[in-house]
Amino acid sequence: MLLGVITSIIIGFYAQNNLNKQQYAIVYATEFTAREEPKQSSSASFVIHEGTKVEVLEEFNDWVRIALENGSKAWVTIDTIKKL
């Protein structure tokens, strides 16, 4: 029984830690083309529109790597989003 309680506590802390790591943002640019790499000259991945909720994965200089709910990932400039 003690082993079960300890395992439950460890799983709870792990789940809490994962939830705290996730960071979300809202797109504030009217329409923006997300890129495959963090530079303007890279090829376009997809177009995102104002109000889209995205998950922030990482930051590099003035770029942010985002993930959409459908699993698509790309880079956008940091001024196109506002973190929640």
C-alpha atoms as a PDB file:
ATOM      1  CA  MET A   1       0.000   0.000   0.000  1.00  0.00           C
ATOM      2  CA  LEU A   2       2.867   2.363   0.815  1.00  0.00           C
ATOM      3  CA  LEU A   3       4.397   1.690  -2.605  1.00  0.00           C
ATOM      4  CA  GLY A   4       1.093   2.617  -4.269  1.00  0.00           C
ATOM      5  CA  VAL A   5       0.883   5.913  -2.371  1.00  0.00           C
ATOM      6  CA  ILE A   6       4.470   6.846  -3.236  1.00  0.00           C
ATOM      7  CA  THR A   7       3.901   5.979  -6.898  1.00  0.00           C
ATOM      8  CA  SER A   8       0.739   8.109  -6.985  1.00  0.00           C
ATOM      9  CA  ILE A   9       2.563  11.090  -5.472  1.00  0.00           C
ATOM     10  CA  ILE A  10       5.404  10.802  -8.003  1.00  0.00           C
ATOM     11  CA  ILE A  11       2.969  10.588 -10.921  1.00  0.00           C
ATOM     12  CA  GLY A  12       1.078  13.616  -9.585  1.00  0.00           C
ATOM     13  CA  PHE A  13       4.236  15.739  -9.382  1.00  0.00           C
ATOM     14  CA  TYR A  14       5.254  14.653 -12.886  1.00  0.00           C
ATOM     15  CA  ALA A  15       1.848  15.616 -14.323  1.00  0.00           C
ATOM     16  CA  GLN A  16       1.913  18.991 -12.524  1.00  0.00           C
ATOM     17  CA  ASN A  17       5.393  19.710 -13.867  1.00  0.00           C
ATOM     18  CA  ASN A  18       4.320  18.952 -17.452  1.00  0.00           C
ATOM     19  CA  LEU A  19       1.319  21.278 -17.172  1.00  0.00           C
ATOM     20  CA  ASN A  20       3.500  24.090 -15.836  1.00  0.00           C
ATOM     21  CA  LYS A  21       5.945  23.761 -18.749  1.00  0.00           C
ATOM     22  CA  GLN A  22       3.299  24.353 -21.408  1.00  0.00           C
ATOM     23  CA  GLN A  23       3.041  27.958 -22.501  1.00  0.00           C
ATOM     24  CA  TYR A  24       0.349  29.297 -24.806  1.00  0.00           C
ATOM     25  CA  ALA A  25      -0.077  32.446 -26.868  1.00  0.00           C
ATOM     26  CA  ILE A  26      -2.645  34.130 -29.103  1.00  0.00           C
ATOM     27  CA  VAL A  27      -1.819  35.351 -32.611  1.00  0.00           C
ATOM     28  CA  TYR A  28      -2.372  39.123 -32.853  1.00  0.00           C
ATOM     29  CA  ALA A  29      -1.304  39.658 -36.469  1.00  0.00           C
ATOM     30  CA  THR A  30      -4.244  39.800 -38.885  1.00  0.00           C
ATOM     31  CA  GLU A  31      -2.645  37.151 -41.080  1.00  0.00           C
ATOM     32  CA  PHE A  32       0.879  35.784 -40.909  1.00  0.00           C
ATOM     33  CA  THR A  33       2.856  33.171 -42.822  1.00  0.00           C
ATOM     34  CA  ALA A  34       4.619  30.771 -40.479  1.00  0.00           C
ATOM     35  CA  ARG A  35       8.058  29.633 -41.627  1.00  0.00           C
ATOM     36  CA  GLU A  36       9.940  26.327 -41.509  1.00  0.00           C
ATOM     37  CA  GLU A  37      13.050  28.007 -40.072  1.00  0.00           C
ATOM     38  CA  PRO A  38      13.549  31.139 -37.959  1.00  0.00           C
ATOM     39  CA  LYS A  39      14.318  33.477 -40.876  1.00  0.00           C
ATOM     40  CA  GLN A  40      12.238  35.423 -43.421  1.00  0.00           C
ATOM     41  CA  SER A  41      13.905  33.743 -46.397  1.00  0.00           C
ATOM     42  CA  SER A  42      12.844  30.217 -45.387  1.00  0.00           C
ATOM     43  CA  SER A  43       9.922  28.510 -47.086  1.00  0.00           C
ATOM     44  CA  ALA A  44       6.386  29.011 -45.835  1.00  0.00           C
ATOM     45  CA  SER A  45       4.741  26.316 -43.721  1.00  0.00           C
ATOM     46  CA  PHE A  46       1.188  27.629 -43.369  1.00  0.00           C
ATOM     47  CA  VAL A  47      -0.797  30.826 -42.814  1.00  0.00           C
ATOM     48  CA  ILE A  48      -2.212  31.597 -39.384  1.00  0.00           C
ATOM     49  CA  HIS A  49      -4.881  34.162 -38.590  1.00  0.00           C
ATOM     50  CA  GLU A  50      -5.602  36.549 -35.760  1.00  0.00           C
ATOM     51  CA  GLY A  51      -7.065  34.907 -32.665  1.00  0.00           C
ATOM     52  CA  THR A  52      -5.475  31.497 -33.190  1.00  0.00           C
ATOM     53  CA  LYS A  53      -4.298  29.884 -29.955  1.00  0.00           C
ATOM     54  CA  VAL A  54      -0.846  28.336 -30.255  1.00  0.00           C
ATOM     55  CA  GLU A  55       1.550  26.531 -27.942  1.00  0.00           C
ATOM     56  CA  VAL A  56       4.982  28.131 -27.552  1.00  0.00           C
ATOM     57  CA  LEU A  57       7.689  25.479 -27.911  1.00  0.00           C
ATOM     58  CA  GLU A  58      10.907  27.501 -27.962  1.00  0.00           C
ATOM     59  CA  GLU A  59      12.359  30.941 -28.652  1.00  0.00           C
ATOM     60  CA  PHE A  60      15.333  31.937 -30.792  1.00  0.00           C
ATOM     61  CA  ASN A  61      16.335  35.599 -31.169  1.00  0.00           C
ATOM     62  CA  ASP A  62      13.158  37.369 -32.406  1.00  0.00           C
ATOM     63  CA  TRP A  63      11.454  34.133 -33.466  1.00  0.00           C
ATOM     64  CA  VAL A  64       9.178  31.702 -31.644  1.00  0.00           C
ATOM     65  CA  ARG A  65       8.524  28.080 -32.594  1.00  0.00           C
ATOM     66  CA  ILE A  66       4.837  27.317 -32.216  1.00  0.00           C
ATOM     67  CA  ALA A  67       2.573  24.297 -32.447  1.00  0.00           C
ATOM     68  CA  LEU A  68      -1.058  24.350 -33.517  1.00  0.00           C
ATOM     69  CA  GLU A  69      -3.723  22.067 -32.054  1.00  0.00           C
ATOM     70  CA  ASN A  70      -3.512  19.855 -35.162  1.00  0.00           C
ATOM     71  CA  GLY A  71       0.199  19.218 -34.489  1.00  0.00           C
ATOM     72  CA  SER A  72       1.632  21.531 -37.164  1.00  0.00           C
ATOM     73  CA  LYS A  73       4.822  23.280 -36.045  1.00  0.00           C
ATOM     74  CA  ALA A  74       6.530  26.352 -37.480  1.00  0.00           C
ATOM     75  CA  TRP A  75       8.337  29.589 -36.633  1.00  0.00           C
ATOM     76  CA  VAL A  76       6.759  33.053 -36.318  1.00  0.00           C
ATOM     77  CA  THR A  77       8.210  36.385 -35.298  1.00  0.00           C
ATOM     78  CA  ILE A  78       7.746  37.220 -31.641  1.00  0.00           C
ATOM     79  CA  ASP A  79       5.769  40.393 -32.421  1.00  0.00           C
ATOM     80  CA  THR A  80       2.935  38.404 -34.042  1.00  0.00           C
ATOM     81  CA  ILE A  81       1.906  36.704 -30.790  1.00  0.00           C
ATOM     82  CA  LYS A  82       1.143  37.613 -27.198  1.00  0.00           C
ATOM     83  CA  LYS A  83       1.820  35.044 -24.496  1.00  0.00           C
ATOM     84  CA  LEU A  84      -0.949  34.158 -22.083  1.00  0.00           C
END
